[in-house]
């Protein structure tokens, strides 16, 4: 059956490239990926997947399934672009890799057992539908989740940072600046908070970090704004550390409000992401299959300082999130315009097809060898029992 997967992938090479190119040519921002979602849905319908559109009432999400019963192997599609930034993180290739893997696996699964599932997950850049799906139990009945991310290096799946999005608002009275001597404004409170956070950031532990931006701070130098709003991403190696940091920031906001006699609010404005926990057994199987395709140079587990919505899913079901280099030119930087252009290169397409093959063969190994799934699940339960 492995040869059937490889042969089928060769037959759809052009279709997979056309998918990469279509998503590249039609960059759509988070939760507005209507064209790309429709294109993907049509592909899965063509290959007789049962597709649920508008999945869990998210217009650009879908759930596609081929086969029945367990093991349920899930592939993830992402297809949103950075607003005004094209596909600088290669989400078009995430969809292509997962689609190639799912379609090729579906060609042989009738000869064995289990289900091939593809979940279209919009909105990775702002809140991500994966976290909403996780909270609604979408992943509860799934056995493993597989996805691969384009990069400038090829590396095993590692960890990511937990993330908590915190909004801080200060409110007061609008007025002319020259008439407001002797009192503090919401802008004063906002700037004081930023300066304090910048100073405190130097002493943070557990790889904690804080990134912030002022989203509402007034429109004229002569007018004091009645409201100032800033937004922060709090990050840490584990969610428990991030929650400790959140408590400290809430105390800071309350103190600043009291000192300046300004109304203060702090609230979570997007869904938090848990840190990614890689299933090393699953990762080992994938790395072996990737080497079988000819991609030999694989770096050790990449622990990214960014945050991934798959992190939340990895606390519910065994997951991997390996990285695949799609560039030949070492000078190309990830998340650049040049990287986006590289996603539709012939070299990138070759890497897409090899990665899709490795994912599909990893899934087939797990379907055919029951002890592998038992090992994967045993590791998963040990990881969380030890936490």
Protein backbone atom coordinates (compact mmCIF):
# COMPACT_ATOMS: atom_id res chain seq x y z
CA UNK A 1 0.00 0.00 0.00
CA UNK A 2 2.95 2.32 0.50
CA UNK A 3 3.77 2.15 -3.19
CA UNK A 4 0.16 2.99 -4.03
CA UNK A 5 0.45 6.15 -1.92
CA UNK A 6 3.67 7.17 -3.66
CA UNK A 7 2.25 6.47 -7.12
CA UNK A 8 -0.95 8.38 -6.42
CA UNK A 9 0.98 11.38 -5.14
CA UNK A 10 2.93 11.50 -8.40
CA UNK A 11 -0.37 11.55 -10.30
CA UNK A 12 -1.67 14.62 -8.42
CA UNK A 13 1.55 16.63 -8.37
CA UNK A 14 0.13 19.28 -10.70
CA UNK A 15 -3.14 19.52 -8.74
CA UNK A 16 -1.26 20.07 -5.48
CA UNK A 17 0.91 22.75 -7.06
CA UNK A 18 -2.22 24.45 -8.43
CA UNK A 19 -3.61 24.47 -4.89
CA UNK A 20 -0.44 26.11 -3.53
CA UNK A 21 -0.53 28.67 -6.34
CA UNK A 22 -4.24 29.42 -5.95
CA UNK A 23 -3.94 30.16 -2.23
CA UNK A 24 -0.79 32.20 -2.92
CA UNK A 25 -2.56 34.22 -5.62
CA UNK A 26 -5.61 34.79 -3.41
CA UNK A 27 -4.29 35.89 0.00
CA UNK A 28 -7.17 36.27 2.44
CA UNK A 29 -6.99 37.54 6.00
CA UNK A 30 -7.99 35.51 9.04
CA UNK A 31 -11.61 34.31 9.03
CA UNK A 32 -12.16 35.81 5.56
CA UNK A 33 -10.63 32.93 3.57
CA UNK A 34 -13.76 32.33 1.48
CA UNK A 35 -12.08 31.60 -1.86
CA UNK A 36 -9.40 29.35 -0.42
CA UNK A 37 -11.84 27.44 1.76
CA UNK A 38 -14.15 26.85 -1.21
CA UNK A 39 -11.24 25.67 -3.37
CA UNK A 40 -10.20 23.13 -0.75
CA UNK A 41 -13.74 21.90 -0.18
CA UNK A 42 -14.18 21.26 -3.90
CA UNK A 43 -11.00 19.18 -3.96
CA UNK A 44 -12.16 16.93 -1.13
CA UNK A 45 -15.62 16.54 -2.62
CA UNK A 46 -14.01 15.52 -5.92
CA UNK A 47 -12.27 12.67 -4.11
CA UNK A 48 -15.45 11.53 -2.33
CA UNK A 49 -14.76 12.91 1.11
CA UNK A 50 -17.82 13.66 3.18
CA UNK A 51 -17.48 17.41 3.77
CA UNK A 52 -19.19 19.55 6.39
CA UNK A 53 -19.06 23.21 5.40
CA UNK A 54 -19.47 26.18 7.75
CA UNK A 55 -18.14 23.85 10.41
CA UNK A 56 -19.24 24.70 13.98
CA UNK A 57 -20.72 27.89 12.51
CA UNK A 58 -17.36 29.22 11.33
CA UNK A 59 -17.98 30.22 7.68
CA UNK A 60 -14.46 29.44 6.46
CA UNK A 61 -13.95 26.21 8.40
CA UNK A 62 -14.66 22.70 7.14
CA UNK A 63 -14.49 19.08 8.26
CA UNK A 64 -13.78 16.44 5.61
CA UNK A 65 -13.79 12.69 6.27
CA UNK A 66 -13.12 9.56 4.25
CA UNK A 67 -13.62 6.12 5.77
CA UNK A 68 -15.08 5.04 9.09
CA UNK A 69 -13.99 4.05 12.54
CA UNK A 70 -10.63 4.16 14.26
CA UNK A 71 -7.85 5.03 14.11
CA UNK A 72 -8.93 8.51 13.11
CA UNK A 73 -6.00 10.27 11.47
CA UNK A 74 -6.42 14.04 11.27
CA UNK A 75 -4.58 16.44 8.97
CA UNK A 76 -4.76 20.20 9.46
CA UNK A 77 -5.20 22.82 6.75
CA UNK A 78 -4.38 26.48 7.38
CA UNK A 79 -4.93 29.03 4.62
CA UNK A 80 -5.07 32.56 6.03
CA UNK A 81 -2.50 35.16 5.05
CA UNK A 82 -0.99 37.98 7.06
CA UNK A 83 -3.11 41.06 6.42
CA UNK A 84 -1.42 43.04 3.62
CA UNK A 85 1.51 40.63 3.85
CA UNK A 86 0.71 37.76 1.51
CA UNK A 87 1.73 34.22 2.53
CA UNK A 88 4.96 35.18 4.28
CA UNK A 89 4.59 32.20 6.64
CA UNK A 90 3.66 29.69 3.96
CA UNK A 91 0.17 28.72 5.04
CA UNK A 92 -0.60 27.92 1.41
CA UNK A 93 1.86 25.03 1.68
CA UNK A 94 0.41 23.77 4.96
CA UNK A 95 -2.83 23.19 3.06
CA UNK A 96 -1.05 21.59 0.11
CA UNK A 97 0.96 19.21 2.29
CA UNK A 98 -2.06 18.12 4.31
CA UNK A 99 -4.24 17.79 1.22
CA UNK A 100 -1.68 15.63 -0.58
CA UNK A 101 -1.24 13.43 2.48
CA UNK A 102 -4.97 13.02 3.07
CA UNK A 103 -5.88 12.28 -0.55
CA UNK A 104 -3.12 9.70 -0.96
CA UNK A 105 -3.99 7.96 2.31
CA UNK A 106 -7.66 7.83 1.30
CA UNK A 107 -6.68 5.80 -1.79
CA UNK A 108 -5.59 2.84 0.38
CA UNK A 109 -7.54 3.10 3.62
CA UNK A 110 -10.45 1.04 2.24
CA UNK A 111 -8.05 -1.91 2.13
CA UNK A 112 -7.38 -1.55 5.83
CA UNK A 113 -9.41 0.32 8.44
CA UNK A 114 -9.78 3.73 9.98
CA UNK A 115 -10.68 7.25 8.89
CA UNK A 116 -8.89 10.08 7.12
CA UNK A 117 -9.98 13.46 8.48
CA UNK A 118 -9.04 16.91 7.27
CA UNK A 119 -10.02 19.96 9.29
CA UNK A 120 -9.89 23.36 7.66
CA UNK A 121 -8.78 25.75 10.38
CA UNK A 122 -9.07 29.45 9.52
CA UNK A 123 -7.83 32.41 11.49
CA UNK A 124 -4.43 31.24 12.71
CA UNK A 125 -3.19 34.81 13.01
CA UNK A 126 -6.01 36.11 15.23
CA UNK A 127 -7.30 33.68 17.81
CA UNK A 128 -7.40 30.60 15.58
CA UNK A 129 -10.36 28.33 15.06
CA UNK A 130 -8.38 25.35 16.39
CA UNK A 131 -8.74 26.61 19.95
CA UNK A 132 -12.49 27.10 19.51
CA UNK A 133 -12.74 23.61 18.02
CA UNK A 134 -10.74 22.16 20.89
CA UNK A 135 -13.07 23.77 23.42
CA UNK A 136 -16.09 22.36 21.57
CA UNK A 137 -14.75 18.81 21.62
CA UNK A 138 -13.90 18.47 17.93
CA UNK A 139 -10.63 16.64 18.66
CA UNK A 140 -11.90 14.42 21.47
CA UNK A 141 -12.53 11.39 19.25
CA UNK A 142 -9.42 11.77 17.08
CA UNK A 143 -6.40 9.49 17.55
CA UNK A 144 -3.56 11.60 16.14
CA UNK A 145 -3.11 15.01 14.51
CA UNK A 146 -0.50 15.58 11.82
CA UNK A 147 0.69 18.76 10.16
CA UNK A 148 3.95 20.19 8.85
CA UNK A 149 5.04 23.81 8.56
CA UNK A 150 7.22 25.33 5.81
CA UNK A 151 10.37 27.02 7.06
CA UNK A 152 13.97 27.83 6.14
CA UNK A 153 15.21 24.77 8.04
CA UNK A 154 14.07 21.17 8.29
CA UNK A 155 13.65 20.21 11.93
CA UNK A 156 11.79 17.81 14.15
CA UNK A 157 8.70 18.94 15.99
CA UNK A 158 9.52 20.66 19.28
CA UNK A 159 7.73 23.06 21.58
CA UNK A 160 6.10 26.46 21.27
CA UNK A 161 5.29 29.21 23.74
CA UNK A 162 2.02 29.43 25.62
CA UNK A 163 0.21 32.68 24.88
CA UNK A 164 -2.37 34.79 26.66
CA UNK A 165 -3.76 37.94 24.95
CA UNK A 166 -4.47 40.71 27.50
CA UNK A 167 -6.26 43.98 26.78
CA UNK A 168 -5.73 46.98 29.07
CA UNK A 169 -8.07 49.97 28.98
CA UNK A 170 -7.84 53.25 30.90
CA UNK A 171 -10.77 55.68 30.86
CA UNK A 172 -11.16 59.30 31.92
CA UNK A 173 -12.57 62.57 30.64
CA UNK A 174 -11.73 64.14 27.30
CA UNK A 175 -10.36 67.66 27.47
CA UNK A 176 -7.88 70.20 26.17
CA UNK A 177 -4.36 69.30 27.21
CA UNK A 178 -3.43 72.81 28.46
CA UNK A 179 -6.46 72.85 30.79
CA UNK A 180 -5.60 69.51 32.38
CA UNK A 181 -2.57 70.44 34.46
CA UNK A 182 -2.56 68.78 37.87
CA UNK A 183 -4.36 65.62 36.76
CA UNK A 184 -3.59 62.44 34.88
CA UNK A 185 -5.11 61.26 31.63
CA UNK A 186 -5.76 57.75 30.29
CA UNK A 187 -2.78 58.31 27.98
CA UNK A 188 -0.53 59.02 30.98
CA UNK A 189 -1.66 55.77 32.56
CA UNK A 190 -1.14 53.85 29.33
CA UNK A 191 2.38 55.18 28.76
CA UNK A 192 3.33 54.62 32.40
CA UNK A 193 2.14 51.02 32.09
CA UNK A 194 4.22 50.48 28.95
CA UNK A 195 7.34 51.92 30.55
CA UNK A 196 6.87 49.81 33.67
CA UNK A 197 6.35 46.64 31.63
CA UNK A 198 9.47 47.37 29.59
CA UNK A 199 11.48 47.69 32.79
CA UNK A 200 9.96 44.60 34.42
CA UNK A 201 10.53 42.53 31.27
CA UNK A 202 14.26 42.45 32.01
CA UNK A 203 13.67 40.29 35.06
CA UNK A 204 11.10 37.84 33.71
CA UNK A 205 11.68 34.12 34.25
CA UNK A 206 10.60 30.91 32.47
CA UNK A 207 11.26 32.47 29.05
CA UNK A 208 8.34 34.78 29.71
CA UNK A 209 7.95 37.68 27.32
CA UNK A 210 5.53 40.54 26.72
CA UNK A 211 4.76 42.15 23.35
CA UNK A 212 2.43 45.14 23.28
CA UNK A 213 0.89 47.80 21.09
CA UNK A 214 -1.32 50.85 21.69
CA UNK A 215 -4.45 50.47 19.56
CA UNK A 216 -6.31 53.54 20.83
CA UNK A 217 -4.38 56.53 22.13
CA UNK A 218 -5.97 59.72 20.87
CA UNK A 219 -6.12 61.60 17.57
CA UNK A 220 -4.65 65.05 18.31
CA UNK A 221 -1.73 66.30 20.43
CA UNK A 222 -3.94 69.09 21.79
CA UNK A 223 -6.70 66.76 23.01
CA UNK A 224 -6.51 64.32 25.88
CA UNK A 225 -8.21 61.06 24.89
CA UNK A 226 -11.06 59.86 27.08
CA UNK A 227 -9.93 56.27 26.57
CA UNK A 228 -6.66 54.50 25.84
CA UNK A 229 -6.45 50.85 24.91
CA UNK A 230 -3.36 48.69 24.61
CA UNK A 231 -3.05 45.02 23.79
CA UNK A 232 -0.40 42.58 24.92
CA UNK A 233 0.65 39.04 24.15
CA UNK A 234 1.98 37.37 27.29
CA UNK A 235 4.18 34.38 26.49
CA UNK A 236 5.92 31.69 28.49
CA UNK A 237 7.24 28.15 28.22
CA UNK A 238 4.15 26.86 30.05
CA UNK A 239 0.68 28.28 30.50
CA UNK A 240 1.00 28.14 34.30
CA UNK A 241 3.89 30.63 34.09
CA UNK A 242 1.90 32.89 31.78
CA UNK A 243 -1.03 32.90 34.20
CA UNK A 244 1.34 34.02 36.99
CA UNK A 245 2.51 36.85 34.73
CA UNK A 246 -1.08 37.80 33.93
CA UNK A 247 -1.86 38.16 37.64
CA UNK A 248 1.09 40.53 38.07
CA UNK A 249 0.01 42.67 35.14
CA UNK A 250 -3.53 42.88 36.46
CA UNK A 251 -2.13 44.07 39.79
CA UNK A 252 -0.02 46.65 37.95
CA UNK A 253 -3.03 47.95 36.01
CA UNK A 254 -5.10 48.23 39.17
CA UNK A 255 -2.29 50.05 40.98
CA UNK A 256 -1.75 52.51 38.12
CA UNK A 257 -5.47 53.22 38.00
CA UNK A 258 -5.58 53.89 41.74
CA UNK A 259 -2.46 56.07 41.74
CA UNK A 260 -3.67 58.23 38.86
CA UNK A 261 -7.34 58.08 39.80
CA UNK A 262 -8.15 56.68 36.37
CA UNK A 263 -10.67 53.91 35.66
CA UNK A 264 -8.78 50.75 34.64
CA UNK A 265 -9.78 47.45 33.05
CA UNK A 266 -7.84 44.32 32.09
CA UNK A 267 -9.38 41.46 30.13
CA UNK A 268 -8.53 38.58 27.80
CA UNK A 269 -9.50 39.59 24.26
CA UNK A 270 -8.59 36.46 22.25
CA UNK A 271 -8.42 32.78 23.07
CA UNK A 272 -5.15 31.75 24.77
CA UNK A 273 -2.82 29.13 23.24
CA UNK A 274 -1.32 26.35 25.33
CA UNK A 275 2.32 25.41 24.75
CA UNK A 276 2.92 22.70 22.14
CA UNK A 277 3.75 19.26 23.50
CA UNK A 278 5.21 17.07 20.77
CA UNK A 279 4.61 13.34 20.85
CA UNK A 280 8.17 12.10 20.35
CA UNK A 281 7.09 8.60 19.28
CA UNK A 282 4.97 10.06 16.51
CA UNK A 283 7.77 12.47 15.63
CA UNK A 284 10.27 9.61 15.35
CA UNK A 285 8.03 7.72 12.92
CA UNK A 286 7.56 10.81 10.77
CA UNK A 287 11.28 11.62 10.70
CA UNK A 288 12.03 8.08 9.54
CA UNK A 289 9.51 8.37 6.71
CA UNK A 290 10.81 11.81 5.76
CA UNK A 291 14.32 10.39 5.42
CA UNK A 292 12.91 7.63 3.21
CA UNK A 293 11.79 10.33 0.76
CA UNK A 294 15.36 11.59 0.46
CA UNK A 295 15.23 14.47 2.95
CA UNK A 296 18.13 13.32 5.11
CA UNK A 297 19.30 16.44 6.91
CA UNK A 298 16.85 16.95 9.76
CA UNK A 299 17.79 19.14 12.70
CA UNK A 300 16.83 18.25 16.25
CA UNK A 301 13.55 19.45 17.73
CA UNK A 302 12.87 23.11 17.03
CA UNK A 303 11.57 24.99 20.07
CA UNK A 304 10.00 28.11 18.64
CA UNK A 305 9.59 31.36 20.56
CA UNK A 306 6.31 31.97 18.75
CA UNK A 307 2.96 30.53 19.80
CA UNK A 308 0.92 27.91 17.94
CA UNK A 309 -2.76 27.18 18.23
CA UNK A 310 -1.89 23.51 17.73
CA UNK A 311 -0.43 23.75 21.22
CA UNK A 312 -3.91 23.67 22.69
CA UNK A 313 -4.81 20.65 20.55
CA UNK A 314 -1.63 18.86 21.67
CA UNK A 315 -3.00 18.79 25.21
CA UNK A 316 -5.97 16.75 23.98
CA UNK A 317 -4.52 14.40 21.36
CA UNK A 318 -1.01 13.32 20.24
CA UNK A 319 0.36 15.85 17.74
CA UNK A 320 3.42 16.74 15.71
CA UNK A 321 4.37 20.02 14.03
CA UNK A 322 7.68 19.47 12.18
CA UNK A 323 9.35 22.10 10.02
CA UNK A 324 10.31 21.65 6.38
CA UNK A 325 12.76 23.85 4.52
CA UNK A 326 11.32 25.05 1.21
CA UNK A 327 14.24 27.31 0.22
CA UNK A 328 17.50 26.66 -1.61
CA UNK A 329 18.88 30.14 -0.93
CA UNK A 330 20.14 30.43 2.67
CA UNK A 331 19.80 34.21 2.56
CA UNK A 332 15.99 34.02 2.40
CA UNK A 333 14.46 34.77 5.78
CA UNK A 334 11.31 33.23 7.16
CA UNK A 335 8.25 35.51 7.15
CA UNK A 336 9.65 37.69 4.35
CA UNK A 337 8.33 38.57 0.92
CA UNK A 338 11.06 36.41 -0.59
CA UNK A 339 9.89 33.47 1.52
CA UNK A 340 6.33 33.94 0.26
CA UNK A 341 7.58 33.87 -3.34
CA UNK A 342 9.60 30.74 -2.59
CA UNK A 343 6.41 28.85 -1.70
CA UNK A 344 5.55 28.53 -5.39
CA UNK A 345 9.02 27.48 -6.54
CA UNK A 346 9.74 24.08 -8.04
CA UNK A 347 11.99 23.27 -5.08
CA UNK A 348 9.18 24.04 -2.64
CA UNK A 349 6.79 21.85 -4.62
CA UNK A 350 9.23 18.96 -4.42
CA UNK A 351 9.42 19.42 -0.63
CA UNK A 352 5.62 19.64 -0.40
CA UNK A 353 5.17 16.31 -2.15
CA UNK A 354 7.88 14.57 -0.14
CA UNK A 355 6.44 15.87 3.12
CA UNK A 356 2.93 14.83 2.10
CA UNK A 357 4.30 11.37 1.37
CA UNK A 358 6.03 11.19 4.75
CA UNK A 359 2.86 12.24 6.58
CA UNK A 360 0.73 9.73 4.67
CA UNK A 361 3.18 6.89 5.28
CA UNK A 362 3.37 7.82 8.96
CA UNK A 363 -0.40 7.52 9.15
CA UNK A 364 -0.30 4.19 7.30
CA UNK A 365 2.33 2.83 9.70
CA UNK A 366 0.06 3.67 12.61
CA UNK A 367 -2.97 2.09 10.93
CA UNK A 368 -1.13 -1.11 10.01
CA UNK A 369 0.91 -1.51 13.20
CA UNK A 370 -1.37 -1.35 16.20
CA UNK A 371 1.51 -1.34 18.67
CA UNK A 372 2.69 2.04 17.32
CA UNK A 373 -0.58 3.71 18.22
CA UNK A 374 -0.39 2.09 21.65
CA UNK A 375 3.13 3.52 22.14
CA UNK A 376 1.98 6.95 21.01
CA UNK A 377 -0.96 6.98 23.41
CA UNK A 378 1.09 5.59 26.29
CA UNK A 379 3.60 8.43 25.87
CA UNK A 380 0.77 10.94 25.63
CA UNK A 381 -0.79 9.80 28.91
CA UNK A 382 2.58 9.72 30.67
CA UNK A 383 3.33 13.28 29.54
CA UNK A 384 0.19 14.66 31.12
CA UNK A 385 0.23 12.47 34.21
CA UNK A 386 3.72 13.85 34.94
CA UNK A 387 2.54 17.43 34.47
